[in-house]
Amino acid sequence: MIKTISVTNPDNETLVLELARPDKSGFVVGPVTGLGPVKASINTTKFATMDGDIYNSARAESRNIVIPLVFLDNPTIEDSRHLSYKYFPIKKNVKVKIETDSRVLETIGYVESNDPAIFAKDSGTQISIVCPDSYFEAAGGASGGFVDSEFYSVTPLLEFPMENLSLTVPLIQLGEATVGQGLVVEYDGDVPSGLEIFVSVIGAFSGFSIYEVATGLGITLNQTRLNAAISSTPAAGDSFYISTHKGKKRILYTRGSTTYNIIDALDGVTSWLELERGSQLIAYSATSGSDKLRVGLRPRPRYEGV
């Protein structure tokens, strides 16, 4: 069941439409369309010498969310109508977030129309939002459906009671830092998706690679090109970020307050990582200094519909 529909306008102001409590927002939400899977375009070729067609390709169309609203006194019908102009400005981009019993999903769209029925007995409007992305993404936050995972971990070893048994040698180990050779990523999205990779540098390294173990495909940074891009060599305190999402692919290196675009540091055999539904084993390596890197992954599931 859908609980709320939230819309955030370009000024970062959010309108929460709670379906069970329309008095809170001043809007009664009607039957919303465009929340299920979008239509796909199937491209085929006909041949004169055979029956039927030959499949060529397929693509999912953009999403069109249509939200019918009935105005309540807030404090007047006219005020509610003006609020609709504020939160659904035509031509502008808005973020639409849908919260259900089991998912919190979001997408970005552009307001195509806000068509109020000003002279109707039950005054209201119909909002049309065109979303270029065919799919919903899991929303951010604790309830958003994605979890950061790290290769680096600390195992607690301190137990009570304890006794050092030596006055000169430290025998008590408070914890042990370990760097995993691989990390299993569970992906429950409906469609393949990229991921975000966060790397903290705690010492000198060279030749960074991250890849899917089963296929061997992944991302490799050429150390010579990396050094040229940042006009230096990597050092403790630096960090870099990789996004493999389609339309958002980027590699950024940060040192202090300066961020460098290091997309040119990619090796020629690089393949952008993409997650499929199920479990995948992801690993990283370095020519030297692999233990000087703290690597984390953030999958962001994508869904066909609410």
C-alpha atoms as a PDB file:
ATOM      1  CA  MET A   1       0.000   0.000   0.000  1.00  0.00           C
ATOM      2  CA  ILE A   2       1.201   3.497  -0.830  1.00  0.00           C
ATOM      3  CA  LYS A   3       1.547   5.649   2.283  1.00  0.00           C
ATOM      4  CA  THR A   4       2.873   8.976   1.024  1.00  0.00           C
ATOM      5  CA  ILE A   5       3.884  10.762  -2.159  1.00  0.00           C
ATOM      6  CA  SER A   6       6.474  13.488  -1.563  1.00  0.00           C
ATOM      7  CA  VAL A   7       7.458  16.145  -4.080  1.00  0.00           C
ATOM      8  CA  THR A   8      10.553  18.348  -3.681  1.00  0.00           C
ATOM      9  CA  ASN A   9      10.690  21.478  -5.849  1.00  0.00           C
ATOM     10  CA  PRO A  10      13.848  23.198  -7.214  1.00  0.00           C
ATOM     11  CA  ASP A  11      14.011  25.367  -4.050  1.00  0.00           C
ATOM     12  CA  ASN A  12      14.374  22.166  -1.981  1.00  0.00           C
ATOM     13  CA  GLU A  13      10.917  22.645  -0.440  1.00  0.00           C
ATOM     14  CA  THR A  14       8.994  19.417   0.091  1.00  0.00           C
ATOM     15  CA  LEU A  15       5.271  18.746  -0.061  1.00  0.00           C
ATOM     16  CA  VAL A  16       4.220  15.491   1.632  1.00  0.00           C
ATOM     17  CA  LEU A  17       0.931  14.085   0.368  1.00  0.00           C
ATOM     18  CA  GLU A  18      -0.191  11.630   3.036  1.00  0.00           C
ATOM     19  CA  LEU A  19      -2.924   9.600   1.390  1.00  0.00           C
ATOM     20  CA  ALA A  20      -4.731   8.772   4.648  1.00  0.00           C
ATOM     21  CA  ARG A  21      -4.547  12.365   5.993  1.00  0.00           C
ATOM     22  CA  PRO A  22      -5.295  14.855   3.172  1.00  0.00           C
ATOM     23  CA  ASP A  23      -6.095  17.541   5.749  1.00  0.00           C
ATOM     24  CA  LYS A  24      -2.371  17.818   6.533  1.00  0.00           C
ATOM     25  CA  SER A  25      -1.425  18.947   3.027  1.00  0.00           C
ATOM     26  CA  GLY A  26      -4.693  20.449   1.788  1.00  0.00           C
ATOM     27  CA  PHE A  27      -4.804  18.050  -1.183  1.00  0.00           C
ATOM     28  CA  VAL A  28      -6.858  14.891  -1.752  1.00  0.00           C
ATOM     29  CA  VAL A  29      -4.863  12.542  -4.001  1.00  0.00           C
ATOM     30  CA  GLY A  30      -6.821  10.794  -6.742  1.00  0.00           C
ATOM     31  CA  PRO A  31      -5.854   7.670  -8.734  1.00  0.00           C
ATOM     32  CA  VAL A  32      -2.200   8.256  -9.665  1.00  0.00           C
ATOM     33  CA  THR A  33      -0.962   6.729 -12.929  1.00  0.00           C
ATOM     34  CA  GLY A  34       2.568   6.074 -14.129  1.00  0.00           C
ATOM     35  CA  LEU A  35       3.813   4.223 -11.045  1.00  0.00           C
ATOM     36  CA  GLY A  36       4.043   0.764 -12.637  1.00  0.00           C
ATOM     37  CA  PRO A  37       6.474  -0.536 -15.268  1.00  0.00           C
ATOM     38  CA  VAL A  38       6.714   1.711 -18.329  1.00  0.00           C
ATOM     39  CA  LYS A  39       5.986   0.604 -21.865  1.00  0.00           C
ATOM     40  CA  ALA A  40       8.822  -0.935 -23.883  1.00  0.00           C
ATOM     41  CA  SER A  41       9.495  -0.321 -27.586  1.00  0.00           C
ATOM     42  CA  ILE A  42      10.369  -3.556 -29.395  1.00  0.00           C
ATOM     43  CA  ASN A  43      12.286  -3.083 -32.644  1.00  0.00           C
ATOM     44  CA  THR A  44      12.030  -5.837 -35.266  1.00  0.00           C
ATOM     45  CA  THR A  45      12.850  -6.360 -38.952  1.00  0.00           C
ATOM     46  CA  LYS A  46      10.576  -7.970 -41.547  1.00  0.00           C
ATOM     47  CA  PHE A  47      11.858 -10.290 -44.272  1.00  0.00           C
ATOM     48  CA  ALA A  48       9.984 -11.146 -47.428  1.00  0.00           C
ATOM     49  CA  THR A  49      11.170 -14.769 -47.423  1.00  0.00           C
ATOM     50  CA  MET A  50      10.076 -15.752 -43.920  1.00  0.00           C
ATOM     51  CA  ASP A  51       7.088 -15.478 -41.639  1.00  0.00           C
ATOM     52  CA  GLY A  52       7.087 -13.107 -38.674  1.00  0.00           C
ATOM     53  CA  ASP A  53       9.854 -10.680 -37.712  1.00  0.00           C
ATOM     54  CA  ILE A  54      13.432 -10.830 -36.446  1.00  0.00           C
ATOM     55  CA  TYR A  55      14.071  -9.195 -33.085  1.00  0.00           C
ATOM     56  CA  ASN A  56      16.612  -6.348 -33.194  1.00  0.00           C
ATOM     57  CA  SER A  57      16.481  -4.476 -29.911  1.00  0.00           C
ATOM     58  CA  ALA A  58      14.241  -3.130 -27.170  1.00  0.00           C
ATOM     59  CA  ARG A  59      14.198  -0.022 -25.011  1.00  0.00           C
ATOM     60  CA  ALA A  60      12.085   1.213 -22.134  1.00  0.00           C
ATOM     61  CA  GLU A  61      10.265   4.504 -22.658  1.00  0.00           C
ATOM     62  CA  SER A  62      10.334   7.485 -20.280  1.00  0.00           C
ATOM     63  CA  ARG A  63       7.922   7.578 -17.351  1.00  0.00           C
ATOM     64  CA  ASN A  64       4.902   9.885 -17.138  1.00  0.00           C
ATOM     65  CA  ILE A  65       3.464  10.284 -13.630  1.00  0.00           C
ATOM     66  CA  VAL A  66       0.013  11.878 -13.519  1.00  0.00           C
ATOM     67  CA  ILE A  67      -1.289  13.020 -10.105  1.00  0.00           C
ATOM     68  CA  PRO A  68      -4.940  14.174  -9.812  1.00  0.00           C
ATOM     69  CA  LEU A  69      -5.483  16.486  -6.816  1.00  0.00           C
ATOM     70  CA  VAL A  70      -8.633  17.902  -5.209  1.00  0.00           C
ATOM     71  CA  PHE A  71      -8.158  21.168  -3.320  1.00  0.00           C
ATOM     72  CA  LEU A  72      -9.183  21.496   0.332  1.00  0.00           C
ATOM     73  CA  ASP A  73      -9.453  24.683   2.393  1.00  0.00           C
ATOM     74  CA  ASN A  74      -5.859  25.411   3.410  1.00  0.00           C
ATOM     75  CA  PRO A  75      -6.953  27.902   4.643  1.00  0.00           C
ATOM     76  CA  THR A  76      -8.900  28.495   1.399  1.00  0.00           C
ATOM     77  CA  ILE A  77      -9.306  26.652  -1.907  1.00  0.00           C
ATOM     78  CA  GLU A  78      -7.408  29.446  -3.641  1.00  0.00           C
ATOM     79  CA  ASP A  79      -4.476  29.071  -1.247  1.00  0.00           C
ATOM     80  CA  SER A  80      -4.289  25.353  -2.028  1.00  0.00           C
ATOM     81  CA  ARG A  81      -4.312  26.100  -5.750  1.00  0.00           C
ATOM     82  CA  HIS A  82      -1.435  28.565  -5.332  1.00  0.00           C
ATOM     83  CA  LEU A  83       0.498  25.939  -3.319  1.00  0.00           C
ATOM     84  CA  SER A  84       0.207  23.594  -6.291  1.00  0.00           C
ATOM     85  CA  TYR A  85       1.956  26.234  -8.432  1.00  0.00           C
ATOM     86  CA  LYS A  86       4.739  26.436  -5.837  1.00  0.00           C
ATOM     87  CA  TYR A  87       5.444  22.714  -5.570  1.00  0.00           C
ATOM     88  CA  PHE A  88       4.743  21.808  -9.213  1.00  0.00           C
ATOM     89  CA  PRO A  89       6.342  24.638 -11.263  1.00  0.00           C
ATOM     90  CA  ILE A  90       6.010  23.946 -14.986  1.00  0.00           C
ATOM     91  CA  LYS A  91       9.213  23.182 -16.919  1.00  0.00           C
ATOM     92  CA  LYS A  92      11.137  22.753 -13.651  1.00  0.00           C
ATOM     93  CA  ASN A  93      12.564  19.530 -12.251  1.00  0.00           C
ATOM     94  CA  VAL A  94      11.083  17.970  -9.133  1.00  0.00           C
ATOM     95  CA  LYS A  95      11.972  14.892  -7.111  1.00  0.00           C
ATOM     96  CA  VAL A  96       9.106  12.475  -6.582  1.00  0.00           C
ATOM     97  CA  LYS A  97       9.400  10.030  -3.688  1.00  0.00           C
ATOM     98  CA  ILE A  98       6.927   7.201  -3.093  1.00  0.00           C
ATOM     99  CA  GLU A  99       6.755   5.428   0.273  1.00  0.00           C
ATOM    100  CA  THR A 100       4.974   2.086   0.454  1.00  0.00           C
ATOM    101  CA  ASP A 101       4.781  -0.607   3.125  1.00  0.00           C
ATOM    102  CA  SER A 102       7.966  -2.240   1.837  1.00  0.00           C
ATOM    103  CA  ARG A 103       9.841   0.272  -0.355  1.00  0.00           C
ATOM    104  CA  VAL A 104      10.876   3.903  -0.534  1.00  0.00           C
ATOM    105  CA  LEU A 105      11.518   4.825  -4.178  1.00  0.00           C
ATOM    106  CA  GLU A 106      12.301   8.074  -5.956  1.00  0.00           C
ATOM    107  CA  THR A 107      12.837   9.559  -9.386  1.00  0.00           C
ATOM    108  CA  ILE A 108      13.492  12.940 -10.972  1.00  0.00           C
ATOM    109  CA  GLY A 109      10.984  14.435 -13.397  1.00  0.00           C
ATOM    110  CA  TYR A 110       9.966  17.659 -15.115  1.00  0.00           C
ATOM    111  CA  VAL A 111       6.528  19.195 -14.654  1.00  0.00           C
ATOM    112  CA  GLU A 112       4.795  19.033 -18.018  1.00  0.00           C
ATOM    113  CA  SER A 113       1.489  20.562 -16.920  1.00  0.00           C
ATOM    114  CA  ASN A 114      -0.510  21.784 -13.933  1.00  0.00           C
ATOM    115  CA  ASP A 115      -4.083  22.126 -15.169  1.00  0.00           C
ATOM    116  CA  PRO A 116      -6.428  23.386 -12.417  1.00  0.00           C
ATOM    117  CA  ALA A 117     -10.217  23.231 -12.858  1.00  0.00           C
ATOM    118  CA  ILE A 118     -10.849  26.667 -11.377  1.00  0.00           C
ATOM    119  CA  PHE A 119     -14.589  26.882 -12.095  1.00  0.00           C
ATOM    120  CA  ALA A 120     -15.481  23.275 -11.226  1.00  0.00           C
ATOM    121  CA  LYS A 121     -17.695  22.480  -8.261  1.00  0.00           C
ATOM    122  CA  ASP A 122     -14.942  20.336  -6.733  1.00  0.00           C
ATOM    123  CA  SER A 123     -11.929  22.488  -7.556  1.00  0.00           C
ATOM    124  CA  GLY A 124      -8.734  20.572  -8.242  1.00  0.00           C
ATOM    125  CA  THR A 125      -5.934  20.017 -10.708  1.00  0.00           C
ATOM    126  CA  GLN A 126      -4.105  17.344 -12.646  1.00  0.00           C
ATOM    127  CA  ILE A 127      -0.314  17.303 -12.512  1.00  0.00           C
ATOM    128  CA  SER A 128       1.724  15.652 -15.278  1.00  0.00           C
ATOM    129  CA  ILE A 129       5.392  14.901 -14.566  1.00  0.00           C
ATOM    130  CA  VAL A 130       7.658  13.476 -17.281  1.00  0.00           C
ATOM    131  CA  CYS A 131      10.569  11.432 -15.889  1.00  0.00           C
ATOM    132  CA  PRO A 132      13.426  10.736 -18.356  1.00  0.00           C
ATOM    133  CA  ASP A 133      14.571   7.706 -16.335  1.00  0.00           C
ATOM    134  CA  SER A 134      12.467   4.629 -17.025  1.00  0.00           C
ATOM    135  CA  TYR A 135      13.013   3.232 -13.531  1.00  0.00           C
ATOM    136  CA  PHE A 136      12.673   4.183  -9.886  1.00  0.00           C
ATOM    137  CA  GLU A 137      15.722   4.183  -7.610  1.00  0.00           C
ATOM    138  CA  ALA A 138      15.823   3.225  -3.959  1.00  0.00           C
ATOM    139  CA  ALA A 139      15.664   6.457  -1.978  1.00  0.00           C
ATOM    140  CA  GLY A 140      18.529   7.524   0.289  1.00  0.00           C
ATOM    141  CA  GLY A 141      18.567   7.248   4.079  1.00  0.00           C
ATOM    142  CA  ALA A 142      18.206   4.488   6.621  1.00  0.00           C
ATOM    143  CA  SER A 143      14.936   3.242   5.099  1.00  0.00           C
ATOM    144  CA  GLY A 144      16.041   3.733   1.536  1.00  0.00           C
ATOM    145  CA  GLY A 145      16.930   0.166   0.618  1.00  0.00           C
ATOM    146  CA  PHE A 146      20.675   0.464  -0.009  1.00  0.00           C
ATOM    147  CA  VAL A 147      23.517  -0.204   2.409  1.00  0.00           C
ATOM    148  CA  ASP A 148      27.172   0.782   2.289  1.00  0.00           C
ATOM    149  CA  SER A 149      29.533  -2.202   2.400  1.00  0.00           C
ATOM    150  CA  GLU A 150      33.247  -2.060   3.193  1.00  0.00           C
ATOM    151  CA  PHE A 151      36.096  -4.432   2.468  1.00  0.00           C
ATOM    152  CA  TYR A 152      37.882  -2.992   5.491  1.00  0.00           C
ATOM    153  CA  SER A 153      36.720  -4.075   8.946  1.00  0.00           C
ATOM    154  CA  VAL A 154      37.884  -4.137  12.554  1.00  0.00           C
ATOM    155  CA  THR A 155      37.322  -7.286  14.616  1.00  0.00           C
ATOM    156  CA  PRO A 156      36.952  -6.522  18.354  1.00  0.00           C
ATOM    157  CA  LEU A 157      39.198  -8.743  20.486  1.00  0.00           C
ATOM    158  CA  LEU A 158      39.029  -7.090  23.910  1.00  0.00           C
ATOM    159  CA  GLU A 159      37.378  -9.312  26.526  1.00  0.00           C
ATOM    160  CA  PHE A 160      36.924  -9.145  30.309  1.00  0.00           C
ATOM    161  CA  PRO A 161      38.443 -10.278  32.612  1.00  0.00           C
ATOM    162  CA  MET A 162      41.863  -9.531  31.165  1.00  0.00           C
ATOM    163  CA  GLU A 163      45.487  -9.716  32.328  1.00  0.00           C
ATOM    164  CA  ASN A 164      48.593  -8.617  30.444  1.00  0.00           C
ATOM    165  CA  LEU A 165      50.928 -11.078  32.258  1.00  0.00           C
ATOM    166  CA  SER A 166      53.942  -8.913  31.373  1.00  0.00           C
ATOM    167  CA  LEU A 167      55.270  -5.601  32.575  1.00  0.00           C
ATOM    168  CA  THR A 168      57.325  -4.951  29.426  1.00  0.00           C
ATOM    169  CA  VAL A 169      55.532  -6.607  26.509  1.00  0.00           C
ATOM    170  CA  PRO A 170      52.026  -5.474  25.384  1.00  0.00           C
ATOM    171  CA  LEU A 171      50.093  -8.732  25.079  1.00  0.00           C
ATOM    172  CA  ILE A 172      46.524  -7.451  25.041  1.00  0.00           C
ATOM    173  CA  GLN A 173      45.157  -6.930  21.537  1.00  0.00           C
ATOM    174  CA  LEU A 174      42.182  -4.566  21.455  1.00  0.00           C
ATOM    175  CA  GLY A 175      41.211  -5.308  17.857  1.00  0.00           C
ATOM    176  CA  GLU A 176      42.450  -6.514  14.505  1.00  0.00           C
ATOM    177  CA  ALA A 177      42.065  -4.611  11.227  1.00  0.00           C
ATOM    178  CA  THR A 178      41.485  -6.858   8.225  1.00  0.00           C
ATOM    179  CA  VAL A 179      41.123  -6.196   4.521  1.00  0.00           C
ATOM    180  CA  GLY A 180      38.895  -8.695   2.760  1.00  0.00           C
ATOM    181  CA  GLN A 181      39.917 -10.220  -0.562  1.00  0.00           C
ATOM    182  CA  GLY A 182      36.345 -10.119  -1.837  1.00  0.00           C
ATOM    183  CA  LEU A 183      32.956  -8.748  -0.917  1.00  0.00           C
ATOM    184  CA  VAL A 184      29.643 -10.387  -1.787  1.00  0.00           C
ATOM    185  CA  VAL A 185      27.088  -7.796  -2.906  1.00  0.00           C
ATOM    186  CA  GLU A 186      23.414  -8.771  -2.714  1.00  0.00           C
ATOM    187  CA  TYR A 187      21.360  -6.887  -5.290  1.00  0.00           C
ATOM    188  CA  ASP A 188      17.549  -7.124  -5.235  1.00  0.00           C
ATOM    189  CA  GLY A 189      16.695  -4.585  -7.932  1.00  0.00           C
ATOM    190  CA  ASP A 190      14.458  -5.405 -10.900  1.00  0.00           C
ATOM    191  CA  VAL A 191      16.910  -4.131 -13.530  1.00  0.00           C
ATOM    192  CA  PRO A 192      20.731  -3.980 -13.764  1.00  0.00           C
ATOM    193  CA  SER A 193      22.349  -1.003 -12.060  1.00  0.00           C
ATOM    194  CA  GLY A 194      25.705   0.600 -11.554  1.00  0.00           C
ATOM    195  CA  LEU A 195      27.139   1.360  -8.130  1.00  0.00           C
ATOM    196  CA  GLU A 196      29.183   3.944  -6.262  1.00  0.00           C
ATOM    197  CA  ILE A 197      32.706   3.163  -5.051  1.00  0.00           C
ATOM    198  CA  PHE A 198      34.324   5.176  -2.253  1.00  0.00           C
ATOM    199  CA  VAL A 199      38.071   4.861  -1.617  1.00  0.00           C
ATOM    200  CA  SER A 200      39.965   6.436   1.303  1.00  0.00           C
ATOM    201  CA  VAL A 201      43.766   6.555   0.950  1.00  0.00           C
ATOM    202  CA  ILE A 202      45.680   5.845   4.175  1.00  0.00           C
ATOM    203  CA  GLY A 203      49.089   5.415   2.543  1.00  0.00           C
ATOM    204  CA  ALA A 204      50.982   5.255  -0.748  1.00  0.00           C
ATOM    205  CA  PHE A 205      49.584   2.892  -3.393  1.00  0.00           C
ATOM    206  CA  SER A 206      49.725   2.286  -7.140  1.00  0.00           C
ATOM    207  CA  GLY A 207      47.743   0.432  -9.808  1.00  0.00           C
ATOM    208  CA  PHE A 208      44.188   0.308  -8.397  1.00  0.00           C
ATOM    209  CA  SER A 209      41.673  -2.158  -9.865  1.00  0.00           C
ATOM    210  CA  ILE A 210      38.163  -3.215  -8.824  1.00  0.00           C
ATOM    211  CA  TYR A 211      36.346  -5.999 -10.660  1.00  0.00           C
ATOM    212  CA  GLU A 212      33.729  -8.741 -10.576  1.00  0.00           C
ATOM    213  CA  VAL A 213      35.485 -12.008  -9.759  1.00  0.00           C
ATOM    214  CA  ALA A 214      33.293 -14.262 -11.940  1.00  0.00           C
ATOM    215  CA  THR A 215      33.903 -12.339 -15.160  1.00  0.00           C
ATOM    216  CA  GLY A 216      37.123 -10.485 -14.378  1.00  0.00           C
ATOM    217  CA  LEU A 217      35.557  -7.327 -15.816  1.00  0.00           C
ATOM    218  CA  GLY A 218      36.031  -4.075 -13.961  1.00  0.00           C
ATOM    219  CA  ILE A 219      37.796  -0.753 -13.612  1.00  0.00           C
ATOM    220  CA  THR A 220      41.556  -0.217 -13.656  1.00  0.00           C
ATOM    221  CA  LEU A 221      43.371   3.062 -13.068  1.00  0.00           C
ATOM    222  CA  ASN A 222      46.617   3.659 -14.930  1.00  0.00           C
ATOM    223  CA  GLN A 223      49.073   4.961 -12.339  1.00  0.00           C
ATOM    224  CA  THR A 224      51.044   7.143 -14.747  1.00  0.00           C
ATOM    225  CA  ARG A 225      47.876   8.853 -15.958  1.00  0.00           C
ATOM    226  CA  LEU A 226      46.599   9.229 -12.388  1.00  0.00           C
ATOM    227  CA  ASN A 227      49.818  10.940 -11.299  1.00  0.00           C
ATOM    228  CA  ALA A 228      49.575  13.279 -14.285  1.00  0.00           C
ATOM    229  CA  ALA A 229      45.923  14.092 -13.559  1.00  0.00           C
ATOM    230  CA  ILE A 230      46.616  15.163  -9.959  1.00  0.00           C
ATOM    231  CA  SER A 231      50.131  16.506 -10.691  1.00  0.00           C
ATOM    232  CA  SER A 232      51.479  14.374  -7.851  1.00  0.00           C
ATOM    233  CA  THR A 233      51.386  10.884  -6.391  1.00  0.00           C
ATOM    234  CA  PRO A 234      48.611   9.556  -4.075  1.00  0.00           C
ATOM    235  CA  ALA A 235      49.128  10.242  -0.389  1.00  0.00           C
ATOM    236  CA  ALA A 236      47.436   9.547   2.933  1.00  0.00           C
ATOM    237  CA  GLY A 237      44.347  11.668   3.455  1.00  0.00           C
ATOM    238  CA  ASP A 238      43.318  11.626  -0.217  1.00  0.00           C
ATOM    239  CA  SER A 239      40.149   9.954  -1.461  1.00  0.00           C
ATOM    240  CA  PHE A 240      38.517   9.123  -4.742  1.00  0.00           C
ATOM    241  CA  TYR A 241      35.009   8.330  -5.902  1.00  0.00           C
ATOM    242  CA  ILE A 242      33.774   6.205  -8.809  1.00  0.00           C
ATOM    243  CA  SER A 243      30.217   6.094 -10.126  1.00  0.00           C
ATOM    244  CA  THR A 244      29.335   3.428 -12.706  1.00  0.00           C
ATOM    245  CA  HIS A 245      25.664   4.449 -13.114  1.00  0.00           C
ATOM    246  CA  LYS A 246      24.612   4.976 -16.733  1.00  0.00           C
ATOM    247  CA  GLY A 247      24.419   8.692 -17.499  1.00  0.00           C
ATOM    248  CA  LYS A 248      26.323   9.470 -14.278  1.00  0.00           C
ATOM    249  CA  LYS A 249      29.674   7.757 -14.871  1.00  0.00           C
ATOM    250  CA  ARG A 250      32.543   9.678 -13.323  1.00  0.00           C
ATOM    251  CA  ILE A 251      35.788   9.331 -11.368  1.00  0.00           C
ATOM    252  CA  LEU A 252      36.748  12.134  -8.980  1.00  0.00           C
ATOM    253  CA  TYR A 253      39.901  12.412  -6.875  1.00  0.00           C
ATOM    254  CA  THR A 254      39.907  14.678  -3.808  1.00  0.00           C
ATOM    255  CA  ARG A 255      42.898  16.126  -1.980  1.00  0.00           C
ATOM    256  CA  GLY A 256      42.086  18.658   0.695  1.00  0.00           C
ATOM    257  CA  SER A 257      39.606  21.122  -0.783  1.00  0.00           C
ATOM    258  CA  THR A 258      40.537  20.338  -4.400  1.00  0.00           C
ATOM    259  CA  THR A 259      38.689  17.770  -6.525  1.00  0.00           C
ATOM    260  CA  TYR A 260      40.150  16.469  -9.801  1.00  0.00           C
ATOM    261  CA  ASN A 261      38.323  14.773 -12.656  1.00  0.00           C
ATOM    262  CA  ILE A 262      40.503  11.721 -13.322  1.00  0.00           C
ATOM    263  CA  ILE A 263      38.412   9.979 -15.983  1.00  0.00           C
ATOM    264  CA  ASP A 264      41.505  10.110 -18.220  1.00  0.00           C
ATOM    265  CA  ALA A 265      43.301   7.822 -15.761  1.00  0.00           C
ATOM    266  CA  LEU A 266      41.180   4.850 -16.853  1.00  0.00           C
ATOM    267  CA  ASP A 267      43.066   1.972 -18.395  1.00  0.00           C
ATOM    268  CA  GLY A 268      42.086   1.080 -21.948  1.00  0.00           C
ATOM    269  CA  VAL A 269      40.589  -2.308 -20.955  1.00  0.00           C
ATOM    270  CA  THR A 270      38.218  -0.853 -18.353  1.00  0.00           C
ATOM    271  CA  SER A 271      34.647  -2.167 -18.194  1.00  0.00           C
ATOM    272  CA  TRP A 272      32.185  -0.279 -15.992  1.00  0.00           C
ATOM    273  CA  LEU A 273      30.851  -2.505 -13.200  1.00  0.00           C
ATOM    274  CA  GLU A 274      27.142  -3.280 -13.340  1.00  0.00           C
ATOM    275  CA  LEU A 275      25.134  -5.270 -10.818  1.00  0.00           C
ATOM    276  CA  GLU A 276      22.639  -7.962 -11.822  1.00  0.00           C
ATOM    277  CA  ARG A 277      19.893  -9.374  -9.628  1.00  0.00           C
ATOM    278  CA  GLY A 278      21.338 -11.817  -7.089  1.00  0.00           C
ATOM    279  CA  SER A 279      24.801 -12.181  -5.534  1.00  0.00           C
ATOM    280  CA  GLN A 280      28.052 -10.950  -7.052  1.00  0.00           C
ATOM    281  CA  LEU A 281      31.573 -11.233  -5.677  1.00  0.00           C
ATOM    282  CA  ILE A 282      33.474  -7.948  -6.046  1.00  0.00           C
ATOM    283  CA  ALA A 283      37.208  -7.694  -5.331  1.00  0.00           C
ATOM    284  CA  TYR A 284      39.862  -4.999  -5.557  1.00  0.00           C
ATOM    285  CA  SER A 285      43.632  -5.054  -5.870  1.00  0.00           C
ATOM    286  CA  ALA A 286      46.620  -2.774  -6.297  1.00  0.00           C
ATOM    287  CA  THR A 287      50.055  -3.253  -7.783  1.00  0.00           C
ATOM    288  CA  SER A 288      51.395  -2.098  -4.431  1.00  0.00           C
ATOM    289  CA  GLY A 289      49.844  -0.767  -1.227  1.00  0.00           C
ATOM    290  CA  SER A 290      46.484  -2.554  -1.395  1.00  0.00           C
ATOM    291  CA  ASP A 291      46.415  -2.504   2.421  1.00  0.00           C
ATOM    292  CA  LYS A 292      46.669   1.308   2.295  1.00  0.00           C
ATOM    293  CA  LEU A 293      43.180   1.651   0.836  1.00  0.00           C
ATOM    294  CA  ARG A 294      39.780   1.553   2.511  1.00  0.00           C
ATOM    295  CA  VAL A 295      37.208   0.656  -0.127  1.00  0.00           C
ATOM    296  CA  GLY A 296      33.448   0.846   0.244  1.00  0.00           C
ATOM    297  CA  LEU A 297      30.595   0.065  -2.140  1.00  0.00           C
ATOM    298  CA  ARG A 298      27.122   1.566  -2.340  1.00  0.00           C
ATOM    299  CA  PRO A 299      24.686  -0.299  -4.578  1.00  0.00           C
ATOM    300  CA  ARG A 300      21.497   1.608  -5.376  1.00  0.00           C
ATOM    301  CA  PRO A 301      18.737  -0.761  -6.521  1.00  0.00           C
ATOM    302  CA  ARG A 302      16.538   0.219  -9.465  1.00  0.00           C
ATOM    303  CA  TYR A 303      12.960  -0.982  -9.817  1.00  0.00           C
ATOM    304  CA  GLU A 304      10.513  -1.198 -12.691  1.00  0.00           C
ATOM    305  CA  GLY A 305       7.672   0.197 -10.591  1.00  0.00           C
ATOM    306  CA  VAL A 306       6.246   0.820  -7.147  1.00  0.00           C
END
